[in-house]
Amino acid sequence: MADVDRMHGSHGQMLMDPAGGSSPVVVASLNKWDLDMTKEHVKVTSFNDANQVYVDGLPDIKGTYSGWYDPVDGLVLFGAVFGTAKPTLRLLPTSLDATKKFEGRGLLDSHISVDANGAVAVSGAFVAAGSWVYPT
């Protein structure tokens, strides 16, 4: 039986360098991120094949994030959306092992939600704006 190395998501982090550099900092007050690395599958079926045949294409790197509005340093999200640079994103499943990271430059969208009966929330989405690295 294999060792169980599962982990809790409470130590996850999303870091960002809005200028697109290599020194991203933690985006404050986020509590969730998702990364979708779905590959395209291209149909290559030929005459006399017994079934449909596909080959893998490239992964389509995209994702979402969400959390709470923090006016002290949470505005970095909106600066990245309205800026002209492609920010560097670093996604850590756990900050306890920063060597296991998904990282690359992205294009960012952002959303703010204000509810009279709840906390002010932020969320958004991103897509790859270049090649990404991932844990190996």
C-alpha atoms as a PDB file:
ATOM      1  CA  MET A   1       0.000   0.000   0.000  1.00  0.00           C
ATOM      2  CA  ALA A   2       1.351   3.422  -0.945  1.00  0.00           C
ATOM      3  CA  ASP A   3       2.083   6.174   1.554  1.00  0.00           C
ATOM      4  CA  VAL A   4      -0.676   8.739   1.880  1.00  0.00           C
ATOM      5  CA  ASP A   5       0.685  12.212   1.135  1.00  0.00           C
ATOM      6  CA  ARG A   6      -2.620  14.025   0.791  1.00  0.00           C
ATOM      7  CA  MET A   7      -2.861  17.549   2.098  1.00  0.00           C
ATOM      8  CA  HIS A   8      -5.356  20.121   3.285  1.00  0.00           C
ATOM      9  CA  GLY A   9      -5.952  23.178   1.094  1.00  0.00           C
ATOM     10  CA  SER A  10      -5.620  25.688   3.928  1.00  0.00           C
ATOM     11  CA  HIS A  11      -1.980  26.380   2.997  1.00  0.00           C
ATOM     12  CA  GLY A  12      -2.650  27.039  -0.689  1.00  0.00           C
ATOM     13  CA  GLN A  13      -1.517  30.337  -2.175  1.00  0.00           C
ATOM     14  CA  MET A  14      -1.779  32.412  -5.305  1.00  0.00           C
ATOM     15  CA  LEU A  15       1.157  34.748  -5.872  1.00  0.00           C
ATOM     16  CA  MET A  16       1.431  37.408  -8.550  1.00  0.00           C
ATOM     17  CA  ASP A  17       3.948  39.822 -10.012  1.00  0.00           C
ATOM     18  CA  PRO A  18       1.758  42.407 -11.800  1.00  0.00           C
ATOM     19  CA  ALA A  19       4.737  43.592 -13.878  1.00  0.00           C
ATOM     20  CA  GLY A  20       5.352  40.094 -15.271  1.00  0.00           C
ATOM     21  CA  GLY A  21       8.641  39.638 -13.441  1.00  0.00           C
ATOM     22  CA  SER A  22      10.022  36.714 -11.477  1.00  0.00           C
ATOM     23  CA  SER A  23       9.272  37.989  -7.962  1.00  0.00           C
ATOM     24  CA  PRO A  24       5.600  37.288  -7.300  1.00  0.00           C
ATOM     25  CA  VAL A  25       4.098  38.110  -3.903  1.00  0.00           C
ATOM     26  CA  VAL A  26       1.093  36.578  -2.163  1.00  0.00           C
ATOM     27  CA  VAL A  27      -2.274  37.962  -3.283  1.00  0.00           C
ATOM     28  CA  ALA A  28      -3.942  38.761   0.031  1.00  0.00           C
ATOM     29  CA  SER A  29      -7.205  37.297   1.281  1.00  0.00           C
ATOM     30  CA  LEU A  30      -7.782  34.738  -1.458  1.00  0.00           C
ATOM     31  CA  ASN A  31      -9.248  31.446  -0.326  1.00  0.00           C
ATOM     32  CA  LYS A  32      -9.586  29.440  -3.529  1.00  0.00           C
ATOM     33  CA  TRP A  33      -7.977  28.912  -6.901  1.00  0.00           C
ATOM     34  CA  ASP A  34      -8.616  26.394  -9.641  1.00  0.00           C
ATOM     35  CA  LEU A  35      -6.345  25.444 -12.513  1.00  0.00           C
ATOM     36  CA  ASP A  36      -7.736  23.745 -15.623  1.00  0.00           C
ATOM     37  CA  MET A  37      -5.128  22.022 -17.816  1.00  0.00           C
ATOM     38  CA  THR A  38      -7.521  20.242 -20.161  1.00  0.00           C
ATOM     39  CA  LYS A  39      -5.863  19.112 -23.392  1.00  0.00           C
ATOM     40  CA  GLU A  40      -7.506  19.414 -26.746  1.00  0.00           C
ATOM     41  CA  HIS A  41      -8.154  16.076 -28.446  1.00  0.00           C
ATOM     42  CA  VAL A  42      -7.926  16.170 -32.235  1.00  0.00           C
ATOM     43  CA  LYS A  43      -9.793  13.600 -34.250  1.00  0.00           C
ATOM     44  CA  VAL A  44      -7.508  11.718 -36.676  1.00  0.00           C
ATOM     45  CA  THR A  45      -9.857   8.928 -37.712  1.00  0.00           C
ATOM     46  CA  SER A  46      -8.980   7.335 -41.065  1.00  0.00           C
ATOM     47  CA  PHE A  47     -10.715   4.945 -43.459  1.00  0.00           C
ATOM     48  CA  ASN A  48     -11.055   1.431 -42.017  1.00  0.00           C
ATOM     49  CA  ASP A  49     -10.391   2.451 -38.415  1.00  0.00           C
ATOM     50  CA  ALA A  50     -12.581   0.372 -36.100  1.00  0.00           C
ATOM     51  CA  ASN A  51     -13.502   3.416 -33.993  1.00  0.00           C
ATOM     52  CA  GLN A  52     -12.830   7.130 -33.643  1.00  0.00           C
ATOM     53  CA  VAL A  53      -9.123   7.859 -33.090  1.00  0.00           C
ATOM     54  CA  TYR A  54      -7.703  10.960 -31.396  1.00  0.00           C
ATOM     55  CA  VAL A  55      -4.331  12.498 -30.619  1.00  0.00           C
ATOM     56  CA  ASP A  56      -3.563  14.882 -27.784  1.00  0.00           C
ATOM     57  CA  GLY A  57      -3.005  18.535 -28.481  1.00  0.00           C
ATOM     58  CA  LEU A  58      -1.693  21.139 -26.072  1.00  0.00           C
ATOM     59  CA  PRO A  59      -3.129  21.825 -22.630  1.00  0.00           C
ATOM     60  CA  ASP A  60      -5.348  24.907 -22.449  1.00  0.00           C
ATOM     61  CA  ILE A  61      -4.085  26.541 -19.244  1.00  0.00           C
ATOM     62  CA  LYS A  62      -6.804  28.581 -17.562  1.00  0.00           C
ATOM     63  CA  GLY A  63      -8.297  28.961 -14.136  1.00  0.00           C
ATOM     64  CA  THR A  64     -10.250  30.920 -11.574  1.00  0.00           C
ATOM     65  CA  TYR A  65      -9.640  32.468  -8.162  1.00  0.00           C
ATOM     66  CA  SER A  66     -11.790  33.902  -5.393  1.00  0.00           C
ATOM     67  CA  GLY A  67     -11.542  35.415  -1.955  1.00  0.00           C
ATOM     68  CA  TRP A  68     -12.279  38.519   0.062  1.00  0.00           C
ATOM     69  CA  TYR A  69     -11.773  42.171  -0.834  1.00  0.00           C
ATOM     70  CA  ASP A  70      -8.814  43.661   1.034  1.00  0.00           C
ATOM     71  CA  PRO A  71      -8.356  47.384   0.297  1.00  0.00           C
ATOM     72  CA  VAL A  72      -4.810  47.454   1.704  1.00  0.00           C
ATOM     73  CA  ASP A  73      -3.191  45.073  -0.745  1.00  0.00           C
ATOM     74  CA  GLY A  74      -6.067  43.352  -2.540  1.00  0.00           C
ATOM     75  CA  LEU A  75      -6.183  46.080  -5.185  1.00  0.00           C
ATOM     76  CA  VAL A  76      -3.196  44.460  -6.927  1.00  0.00           C
ATOM     77  CA  LEU A  77      -5.771  42.294  -8.753  1.00  0.00           C
ATOM     78  CA  PHE A  78      -7.488  45.281 -10.321  1.00  0.00           C
ATOM     79  CA  GLY A  79      -4.151  46.867 -11.165  1.00  0.00           C
ATOM     80  CA  ALA A  80      -3.199  43.736 -13.075  1.00  0.00           C
ATOM     81  CA  VAL A  81      -6.513  43.709 -14.950  1.00  0.00           C
ATOM     82  CA  PHE A  82      -6.229  47.334 -16.060  1.00  0.00           C
ATOM     83  CA  GLY A  83      -2.456  47.276 -16.598  1.00  0.00           C
ATOM     84  CA  THR A  84      -0.676  46.544 -19.854  1.00  0.00           C
ATOM     85  CA  ALA A  85       1.792  43.941 -18.510  1.00  0.00           C
ATOM     86  CA  LYS A  86       1.031  40.230 -18.477  1.00  0.00           C
ATOM     87  CA  PRO A  87       1.382  39.334 -14.784  1.00  0.00           C
ATOM     88  CA  THR A  88       3.314  36.313 -13.564  1.00  0.00           C
ATOM     89  CA  LEU A  89       1.114  33.920 -11.597  1.00  0.00           C
ATOM     90  CA  ARG A  90       2.437  31.279  -9.212  1.00  0.00           C
ATOM     91  CA  LEU A  91      -0.082  28.787  -7.835  1.00  0.00           C
ATOM     92  CA  LEU A  92       0.955  26.712  -4.832  1.00  0.00           C
ATOM     93  CA  PRO A  93      -1.173  23.767  -3.694  1.00  0.00           C
ATOM     94  CA  THR A  94       0.595  24.254  -0.354  1.00  0.00           C
ATOM     95  CA  SER A  95       2.957  26.983   0.799  1.00  0.00           C
ATOM     96  CA  LEU A  96       4.651  24.336   2.963  1.00  0.00           C
ATOM     97  CA  ASP A  97       6.382  23.071  -0.212  1.00  0.00           C
ATOM     98  CA  ALA A  98       6.972  25.986  -2.587  1.00  0.00           C
ATOM     99  CA  THR A  99       8.927  23.754  -4.975  1.00  0.00           C
ATOM    100  CA  LYS A 100       5.633  22.224  -6.161  1.00  0.00           C
ATOM    101  CA  LYS A 101       4.213  25.109  -8.178  1.00  0.00           C
ATOM    102  CA  PHE A 102       2.324  25.938 -11.329  1.00  0.00           C
ATOM    103  CA  GLU A 103       3.693  29.158 -12.805  1.00  0.00           C
ATOM    104  CA  GLY A 104       3.482  31.305 -15.906  1.00  0.00           C
ATOM    105  CA  ARG A 105       2.343  34.612 -17.286  1.00  0.00           C
ATOM    106  CA  GLY A 106      -1.366  35.168 -17.668  1.00  0.00           C
ATOM    107  CA  LEU A 107      -4.142  37.445 -18.770  1.00  0.00           C
ATOM    108  CA  LEU A 108      -6.383  38.330 -15.839  1.00  0.00           C
ATOM    109  CA  ASP A 109     -10.059  39.155 -15.425  1.00  0.00           C
ATOM    110  CA  SER A 110     -11.517  40.225 -12.109  1.00  0.00           C
ATOM    111  CA  HIS A 111     -14.897  40.649 -10.442  1.00  0.00           C
ATOM    112  CA  ILE A 112     -16.018  42.297  -7.216  1.00  0.00           C
ATOM    113  CA  SER A 113     -19.269  41.428  -5.467  1.00  0.00           C
ATOM    114  CA  VAL A 114     -20.777  43.639  -2.778  1.00  0.00           C
ATOM    115  CA  ASP A 115     -23.682  42.187  -0.765  1.00  0.00           C
ATOM    116  CA  ALA A 116     -25.577  44.082   1.943  1.00  0.00           C
ATOM    117  CA  ASN A 117     -25.862  40.794   3.834  1.00  0.00           C
ATOM    118  CA  GLY A 118     -22.345  39.487   3.369  1.00  0.00           C
ATOM    119  CA  ALA A 119     -18.671  40.212   2.957  1.00  0.00           C
ATOM    120  CA  VAL A 120     -17.247  41.997  -0.071  1.00  0.00           C
ATOM    121  CA  ALA A 121     -15.842  39.284  -2.315  1.00  0.00           C
ATOM    122  CA  VAL A 122     -13.468  39.224  -5.271  1.00  0.00           C
ATOM    123  CA  SER A 123     -13.145  36.599  -7.952  1.00  0.00           C
ATOM    124  CA  GLY A 124     -11.855  36.275 -11.448  1.00  0.00           C
ATOM    125  CA  ALA A 125     -10.322  34.159 -14.131  1.00  0.00           C
ATOM    126  CA  PHE A 126      -7.036  33.850 -15.968  1.00  0.00           C
ATOM    127  CA  VAL A 127      -5.663  32.269 -19.136  1.00  0.00           C
ATOM    128  CA  ALA A 128      -2.075  31.530 -20.107  1.00  0.00           C
ATOM    129  CA  ALA A 129      -0.131  34.263 -21.894  1.00  0.00           C
ATOM    130  CA  GLY A 130       2.920  32.073 -22.481  1.00  0.00           C
ATOM    131  CA  SER A 131       4.402  28.745 -21.450  1.00  0.00           C
ATOM    132  CA  TRP A 132       3.769  27.487 -17.923  1.00  0.00           C
ATOM    133  CA  VAL A 133       5.845  25.266 -15.641  1.00  0.00           C
ATOM    134  CA  TYR A 134       4.291  22.612 -13.443  1.00  0.00           C
ATOM    135  CA  PRO A 135       5.454  20.190 -10.744  1.00  0.00           C
ATOM    136  CA  THR A 136       7.300  17.171 -12.077  1.00  0.00           C
END
